[in-house]
Amino acid sequence: MRLIAILTLKEDPLDYYSRKGHHSIVLQAQVNHVVGWPGSCHDACILENSTVFAKGEAGDLIPGKKQSIARVDAVQ
């Protein structure tokens, strides 16, 4: 994860004040071996061809016991 400094927000500024002493947001990224695609490829194309996308589509991205709530699968 990475903290990215931002300008002070008018709404709820204390929520964005970090332990590092400035206002920031958090960036979290999932990285796997998707390397080598040409720079002209759209991010969505690369994502659709990744194992992360395949696992998400199959419902296997977040392991755990699944339960159907109102016809929607939920991870417990």
C-alpha atoms as a PDB file:
ATOM      1  CA  MET A   1       0.000   0.000   0.000  1.00  0.00           C
ATOM      2  CA  ARG A   2       1.082   3.531  -0.647  1.00  0.00           C
ATOM      3  CA  LEU A   3      -0.097   6.845   0.804  1.00  0.00           C
ATOM      4  CA  ILE A   4      -0.548   9.558  -1.795  1.00  0.00           C
ATOM      5  CA  ALA A   5      -0.482  13.155  -0.563  1.00  0.00           C
ATOM      6  CA  ILE A   6      -3.549  15.247  -1.463  1.00  0.00           C
ATOM      7  CA  LEU A   7      -4.749  18.787  -0.885  1.00  0.00           C
ATOM      8  CA  THR A   8      -6.869  19.308   2.217  1.00  0.00           C
ATOM      9  CA  LEU A   9     -10.510  18.476   1.563  1.00  0.00           C
ATOM     10  CA  LYS A  10     -13.318  20.745   2.764  1.00  0.00           C
ATOM     11  CA  GLU A  11     -15.517  17.792   3.728  1.00  0.00           C
ATOM     12  CA  ASP A  12     -14.228  15.567   6.566  1.00  0.00           C
ATOM     13  CA  PRO A  13     -10.588  16.754   6.371  1.00  0.00           C
ATOM     14  CA  LEU A  14      -9.565  14.886   9.550  1.00  0.00           C
ATOM     15  CA  ASP A  15     -10.566  11.571   7.968  1.00  0.00           C
ATOM     16  CA  TYR A  16      -7.797  12.051   5.407  1.00  0.00           C
ATOM     17  CA  TYR A  17      -5.077  13.218   7.833  1.00  0.00           C
ATOM     18  CA  SER A  18      -2.446  10.460   7.996  1.00  0.00           C
ATOM     19  CA  ARG A  19      -0.028   9.390  10.690  1.00  0.00           C
ATOM     20  CA  LYS A  20       2.706  10.806   8.427  1.00  0.00           C
ATOM     21  CA  GLY A  21       1.482  14.336   9.135  1.00  0.00           C
ATOM     22  CA  HIS A  22      -0.329  15.230   5.902  1.00  0.00           C
ATOM     23  CA  HIS A  23      -3.621  14.626   4.120  1.00  0.00           C
ATOM     24  CA  SER A  24      -3.548  11.549   1.916  1.00  0.00           C
ATOM     25  CA  ILE A  25      -5.458   8.697   0.311  1.00  0.00           C
ATOM     26  CA  VAL A  26      -4.430   5.043   0.238  1.00  0.00           C
ATOM     27  CA  LEU A  27      -3.500   3.209  -2.955  1.00  0.00           C
ATOM     28  CA  GLN A  28      -3.546  -0.590  -2.812  1.00  0.00           C
ATOM     29  CA  ALA A  29      -2.573  -2.641  -5.837  1.00  0.00           C
ATOM     30  CA  GLN A  30      -2.663  -6.339  -6.659  1.00  0.00           C
ATOM     31  CA  VAL A  31       0.313  -7.391  -8.731  1.00  0.00           C
ATOM     32  CA  ASN A  32       0.982 -10.683 -10.472  1.00  0.00           C
ATOM     33  CA  HIS A  33       3.092 -11.800 -13.407  1.00  0.00           C
ATOM     34  CA  VAL A  34       1.194  -9.737 -16.008  1.00  0.00           C
ATOM     35  CA  VAL A  35       4.278  -8.182 -17.591  1.00  0.00           C
ATOM     36  CA  GLY A  36       5.266  -7.528 -21.156  1.00  0.00           C
ATOM     37  CA  TRP A  37       2.057  -6.237 -22.732  1.00  0.00           C
ATOM     38  CA  PRO A  38       2.687  -3.434 -25.246  1.00  0.00           C
ATOM     39  CA  GLY A  39       2.182   0.063 -23.890  1.00  0.00           C
ATOM     40  CA  SER A  40      -0.624   0.664 -26.385  1.00  0.00           C
ATOM     41  CA  CYS A  41      -2.823  -2.022 -24.746  1.00  0.00           C
ATOM     42  CA  HIS A  42      -5.728  -0.716 -22.698  1.00  0.00           C
ATOM     43  CA  ASP A  43      -5.638  -1.506 -18.967  1.00  0.00           C
ATOM     44  CA  ALA A  44      -8.983  -3.320 -19.256  1.00  0.00           C
ATOM     45  CA  CYS A  45      -7.584  -5.654 -21.945  1.00  0.00           C
ATOM     46  CA  ILE A  46      -4.643  -6.580 -19.749  1.00  0.00           C
ATOM     47  CA  LEU A  47      -6.907  -7.100 -16.734  1.00  0.00           C
ATOM     48  CA  GLU A  48      -9.305  -9.310 -18.713  1.00  0.00           C
ATOM     49  CA  ASN A  49      -6.372 -11.550 -19.655  1.00  0.00           C
ATOM     50  CA  SER A  50      -5.021 -11.879 -16.119  1.00  0.00           C
ATOM     51  CA  THR A  51      -5.385 -14.650 -13.564  1.00  0.00           C
ATOM     52  CA  VAL A  52      -6.781 -12.087 -11.117  1.00  0.00           C
ATOM     53  CA  PHE A  53      -9.710 -11.423 -13.477  1.00  0.00           C
ATOM     54  CA  ALA A  54     -10.268 -15.134 -14.140  1.00  0.00           C
ATOM     55  CA  LYS A  55     -10.344 -15.901 -10.417  1.00  0.00           C
ATOM     56  CA  GLY A  56     -12.723 -13.009  -9.799  1.00  0.00           C
ATOM     57  CA  GLU A  57     -15.088 -14.171 -12.533  1.00  0.00           C
ATOM     58  CA  ALA A  58     -15.016 -17.723 -11.141  1.00  0.00           C
ATOM     59  CA  GLY A  59     -15.667 -16.493  -7.597  1.00  0.00           C
ATOM     60  CA  ASP A  60     -12.281 -17.761  -6.407  1.00  0.00           C
ATOM     61  CA  LEU A  61     -10.481 -14.460  -5.825  1.00  0.00           C
ATOM     62  CA  ILE A  62     -11.296 -14.284  -2.123  1.00  0.00           C
ATOM     63  CA  PRO A  63     -11.178 -17.750  -0.581  1.00  0.00           C
ATOM     64  CA  GLY A  64     -13.710 -18.555   2.083  1.00  0.00           C
ATOM     65  CA  LYS A  65     -17.081 -20.049   2.734  1.00  0.00           C
ATOM     66  CA  LYS A  66     -19.717 -18.654   0.404  1.00  0.00           C
ATOM     67  CA  GLN A  67     -23.349 -18.064   1.275  1.00  0.00           C
ATOM     68  CA  SER A  68     -26.163 -16.961  -1.008  1.00  0.00           C
ATOM     69  CA  ILE A  69     -28.066 -13.931   0.321  1.00  0.00           C
ATOM     70  CA  ALA A  70     -30.984 -12.736  -1.791  1.00  0.00           C
ATOM     71  CA  ARG A  71     -29.591 -14.682  -4.767  1.00  0.00           C
ATOM     72  CA  VAL A  72     -26.178 -12.987  -4.382  1.00  0.00           C
ATOM     73  CA  ASP A  73     -23.122 -14.974  -3.271  1.00  0.00           C
ATOM     74  CA  ALA A  74     -21.361 -13.551  -0.224  1.00  0.00           C
ATOM     75  CA  VAL A  75     -18.062 -14.606   1.378  1.00  0.00           C
ATOM     76  CA  GLN A  76     -18.244 -15.296   5.098  1.00  0.00           C
END
